[in-house]
Amino acid sequence: MLYNTKQITKEDAIRTMSVASTSGPLFILGTVGAGMIKNRQIGVIILISHILGSCINGLIYKGKYKSSSTICSIQTNTVTISDIISSACSTMLVIGGYISMCMVAINALSDIGLLKLAMTTMEHIGVSPLATQGIVMGIIEVTCGCNIIGTLQSPRLITALCTSLISFGGLCIHMQCMTFAKDFDMKYGQFLIQKITHCIIATVISVVMGMIIFT
């Protein structure tokens, strides 16, 4: 919206993605913490780690992209209720479409045996099959992954893995974000690096908090 109305430059929009692509408190505390994990304390740790990680990530990319464009005069357009409803419906269809596609991809991996192969392979090096399943599914679609990881027994592991997946976002979230980022021609590689650094920072914070709280 800010870019489309010429209030910020393309570089500003790209930098903003490093801090603005986050999950909401309702999803983390309600859906993941209270619903899937059934532990509100873990939900709070995930939320704090996720938000702090996003803030630090934003500082990292604050001066990374040099502005080569100028801000034009602000254009004011009349927005009607019809425009708002139309935009909201279009957005929901896009999000729903990506979620459906990712669910099909997860089922396909399971049906052709790749998911089971990954679980068996990782089990040989000491990784729990449930953890592997949650990670693989979470990389594609966060909600599915967190739902599986929430059944693990270790609070520290649950906290770290869920924080990692939520901060990375999963391919479903990536595709949703890139749909809107195409307006300012952001490359997927730029967005992917931003999400990886956010994931690393937030996970480190969650591990430290988990070591302090879950003693």
Protein backbone atom coordinates (compact mmCIF):
# COMPACT_ATOMS: atom_id res chain seq x y z
CA MET A 1 0.00 0.00 0.00
CA LEU A 2 2.72 2.52 0.96
CA TYR A 3 4.72 1.65 -2.13
CA ASN A 4 1.70 1.73 -4.42
CA THR A 5 0.82 5.20 -3.16
CA LYS A 6 4.45 6.33 -3.68
CA GLN A 7 5.09 7.03 0.00
CA ILE A 8 8.16 4.77 0.13
CA THR A 9 10.73 3.61 -2.41
CA LYS A 10 11.27 0.08 -3.74
CA GLU A 11 14.31 -0.33 -1.48
CA ASP A 12 12.28 0.81 1.54
CA ALA A 13 9.64 -1.82 0.71
CA ILE A 14 12.26 -4.58 0.45
CA ARG A 15 13.81 -3.60 3.79
CA THR A 16 10.36 -3.49 5.38
CA MET A 17 9.78 -7.13 4.41
CA SER A 18 12.59 -8.16 6.79
CA VAL A 19 10.56 -7.00 9.78
CA ALA A 20 6.95 -7.01 8.58
CA SER A 21 6.62 -10.66 7.54
CA THR A 22 5.64 -12.04 10.94
CA SER A 23 2.95 -14.28 12.42
CA GLY A 24 0.27 -12.71 14.58
CA PRO A 25 -0.03 -13.10 18.37
CA LEU A 26 -3.42 -14.78 18.00
CA PHE A 27 -1.94 -17.55 15.87
CA ILE A 28 1.11 -18.09 18.09
CA LEU A 29 -0.59 -17.83 21.47
CA GLY A 30 -3.99 -19.24 20.55
CA THR A 31 -3.60 -21.72 17.71
CA VAL A 32 -0.06 -22.97 18.44
CA GLY A 33 0.45 -22.36 22.17
CA ALA A 34 -2.96 -23.09 23.66
CA GLY A 35 -4.41 -25.22 20.88
CA MET A 36 -1.67 -27.46 19.49
CA ILE A 37 0.96 -27.55 22.23
CA LYS A 38 -1.52 -26.95 25.06
CA ASN A 39 1.06 -24.92 26.92
CA ARG A 40 0.55 -21.16 27.06
CA GLN A 41 4.02 -20.62 28.55
CA ILE A 42 5.63 -22.10 25.45
CA GLY A 43 3.36 -19.92 23.32
CA VAL A 44 4.59 -16.80 25.11
CA ILE A 45 8.24 -17.81 24.64
CA ILE A 46 7.66 -18.44 20.93
CA LEU A 47 5.94 -15.06 20.54
CA ILE A 48 8.68 -13.14 22.35
CA SER A 49 11.43 -14.92 20.39
CA HIS A 50 9.60 -14.40 17.11
CA ILE A 51 9.02 -10.66 17.63
CA LEU A 52 12.49 -9.94 19.06
CA GLY A 53 14.01 -11.90 16.19
CA SER A 54 12.02 -9.82 13.71
CA CYS A 55 13.17 -6.53 15.29
CA ILE A 56 16.84 -7.60 15.24
CA ASN A 57 16.42 -8.86 11.69
CA GLY A 58 15.05 -5.48 10.66
CA LEU A 59 18.11 -3.74 12.12
CA ILE A 60 20.40 -6.06 10.15
CA TYR A 61 18.80 -5.06 6.85
CA LYS A 62 18.28 -1.41 7.81
CA GLY A 63 21.04 -0.08 5.56
CA LYS A 64 21.60 -3.08 3.31
CA TYR A 65 19.70 -1.94 0.21
CA LYS A 66 20.78 1.45 -1.10
CA SER A 67 17.95 3.56 -2.43
CA SER A 68 18.21 4.22 -6.15
CA SER A 69 14.70 5.60 -6.59
CA THR A 70 12.98 8.72 -5.42
CA ILE A 71 9.69 9.19 -3.63
CA CYS A 72 7.11 10.85 -5.83
CA SER A 73 4.35 13.06 -4.61
CA ILE A 74 1.72 11.20 -2.59
CA GLN A 75 -1.25 10.16 -4.65
CA THR A 76 -4.58 10.24 -2.90
CA ASN A 77 -7.27 7.98 -4.29
CA THR A 78 -10.78 7.52 -3.03
CA VAL A 79 -11.21 4.01 -1.60
CA THR A 80 -14.74 2.71 -1.36
CA ILE A 81 -16.18 -0.10 0.76
CA SER A 82 -16.61 -2.07 -2.44
CA ASP A 83 -12.87 -1.76 -3.15
CA ILE A 84 -12.01 -2.93 0.37
CA ILE A 85 -14.32 -5.95 0.20
CA SER A 86 -13.08 -6.87 -3.27
CA SER A 87 -9.44 -6.65 -2.15
CA ALA A 88 -10.12 -8.70 1.01
CA CYS A 89 -11.92 -11.44 -0.92
CA SER A 90 -9.15 -11.59 -3.51
CA THR A 91 -6.52 -11.87 -0.77
CA MET A 92 -8.41 -14.67 1.00
CA LEU A 93 -8.71 -16.60 -2.27
CA VAL A 94 -4.96 -16.28 -2.88
CA ILE A 95 -4.10 -17.41 0.66
CA GLY A 96 -6.61 -20.27 0.55
CA GLY A 97 -5.28 -21.39 -2.82
CA TYR A 98 -1.70 -21.58 -1.60
CA ILE A 99 -2.72 -23.45 1.57
CA SER A 100 -4.66 -25.99 -0.50
CA MET A 101 -1.75 -26.45 -2.88
CA CYS A 102 0.71 -27.00 -0.01
CA MET A 103 -1.62 -29.52 1.65
CA VAL A 104 -1.74 -31.43 -1.63
CA ALA A 105 2.08 -31.34 -1.77
CA ILE A 106 2.34 -32.74 1.78
CA ASN A 107 -0.10 -35.55 0.97
CA ALA A 108 1.82 -36.30 -2.23
CA LEU A 109 5.12 -36.59 -0.32
CA SER A 110 3.43 -38.97 2.09
CA ASP A 111 1.79 -41.06 -0.63
CA ILE A 112 4.96 -41.57 -2.66
CA GLY A 113 6.95 -42.46 0.44
CA LEU A 114 9.40 -39.54 0.54
CA LEU A 115 8.19 -38.37 3.92
CA LYS A 116 8.61 -41.84 5.40
CA LEU A 117 12.05 -42.12 3.79
CA ALA A 118 13.14 -38.85 5.42
CA MET A 119 11.83 -40.01 8.80
CA THR A 120 13.66 -43.34 8.54
CA THR A 121 16.90 -41.73 7.37
CA MET A 122 16.94 -39.13 10.14
CA GLU A 123 16.09 -41.77 12.75
CA HIS A 124 19.41 -43.47 11.97
CA ILE A 125 21.27 -40.37 13.19
CA GLY A 126 19.16 -40.03 16.34
CA VAL A 127 16.43 -37.62 15.21
CA SER A 128 12.91 -38.49 16.30
CA PRO A 129 10.64 -39.53 13.39
CA LEU A 130 7.96 -37.16 14.71
CA ALA A 131 10.44 -34.28 14.76
CA THR A 132 11.50 -35.05 11.19
CA GLN A 133 7.88 -35.27 10.07
CA GLY A 134 7.07 -31.97 11.75
CA ILE A 135 10.07 -30.21 10.26
CA VAL A 136 9.44 -31.44 6.70
CA MET A 137 5.74 -30.63 6.87
CA GLY A 138 6.45 -27.29 8.56
CA ILE A 139 8.88 -26.22 5.86
CA ILE A 140 5.98 -26.57 3.45
CA GLU A 141 3.09 -25.42 5.67
CA VAL A 142 3.75 -24.07 9.17
CA THR A 143 0.47 -25.07 10.83
CA CYS A 144 0.83 -28.73 9.91
CA GLY A 145 4.41 -28.84 11.15
CA CYS A 146 3.69 -27.17 14.49
CA ASN A 147 0.75 -29.52 15.04
CA ILE A 148 3.07 -32.54 14.76
CA ILE A 149 5.90 -31.01 16.78
CA GLY A 150 3.45 -30.13 19.55
CA THR A 151 3.12 -33.84 20.34
CA LEU A 152 6.82 -34.18 21.29
CA GLN A 153 7.75 -34.65 24.95
CA SER A 154 10.55 -32.09 25.34
CA PRO A 155 9.34 -28.50 26.02
CA ARG A 156 12.72 -27.12 24.93
CA LEU A 157 12.64 -28.97 21.63
CA ILE A 158 9.03 -27.99 20.98
CA THR A 159 9.82 -24.34 21.69
CA ALA A 160 12.90 -24.25 19.48
CA LEU A 161 11.38 -26.11 16.52
CA CYS A 162 8.07 -24.23 16.53
CA THR A 163 9.90 -20.89 16.80
CA SER A 164 12.14 -21.90 13.93
CA LEU A 165 9.28 -22.94 11.67
CA ILE A 166 7.08 -19.95 12.47
CA SER A 167 9.93 -17.50 11.93
CA PHE A 168 10.97 -19.17 8.67
CA GLY A 169 7.36 -19.12 7.56
CA GLY A 170 7.21 -22.18 5.36
CA LEU A 171 6.93 -22.24 1.57
CA CYS A 172 3.19 -21.54 1.79
CA ILE A 173 3.84 -18.20 3.53
CA HIS A 174 6.72 -17.45 1.18
CA MET A 175 4.50 -17.82 -1.87
CA GLN A 176 1.80 -15.66 -0.28
CA CYS A 177 4.30 -12.90 0.53
CA MET A 178 5.91 -13.00 -2.91
CA THR A 179 2.48 -12.59 -4.51
CA PHE A 180 2.27 -9.15 -2.91
CA ALA A 181 6.00 -8.40 -3.13
CA LYS A 182 5.85 -8.63 -6.92
CA ASP A 183 4.40 -5.10 -6.87
CA PHE A 184 7.87 -3.75 -6.04
CA ASP A 185 9.81 -6.46 -7.91
CA MET A 186 11.43 -8.09 -4.87
CA LYS A 187 13.48 -11.15 -5.76
CA TYR A 188 12.68 -14.37 -3.92
CA GLY A 189 16.35 -14.84 -3.02
CA GLN A 190 16.28 -11.59 -1.07
CA PHE A 191 13.16 -12.61 0.82
CA LEU A 192 14.51 -16.13 1.49
CA ILE A 193 17.71 -14.76 3.04
CA GLN A 194 15.68 -12.41 5.24
CA LYS A 195 13.54 -15.30 6.49
CA ILE A 196 16.56 -17.53 7.12
CA THR A 197 18.27 -14.89 9.26
CA HIS A 198 15.02 -14.23 11.13
CA CYS A 199 14.68 -17.97 11.72
CA ILE A 200 18.22 -18.29 13.10
CA ILE A 201 17.97 -15.26 15.39
CA ALA A 202 14.55 -16.19 16.78
CA THR A 203 15.58 -19.81 17.33
CA VAL A 204 18.70 -18.79 19.28
CA ILE A 205 16.57 -16.53 21.49
CA SER A 206 14.04 -19.31 22.09
CA VAL A 207 16.78 -21.81 22.97
CA VAL A 208 18.27 -19.41 25.53
CA MET A 209 14.86 -18.66 27.03
CA GLY A 210 14.02 -22.37 27.09
CA MET A 211 17.24 -23.21 28.94
CA ILE A 212 16.42 -20.58 31.55
CA ILE A 213 12.75 -21.41 32.03
CA PHE A 214 12.68 -25.18 31.49
CA THR A 215 15.41 -26.15 33.92
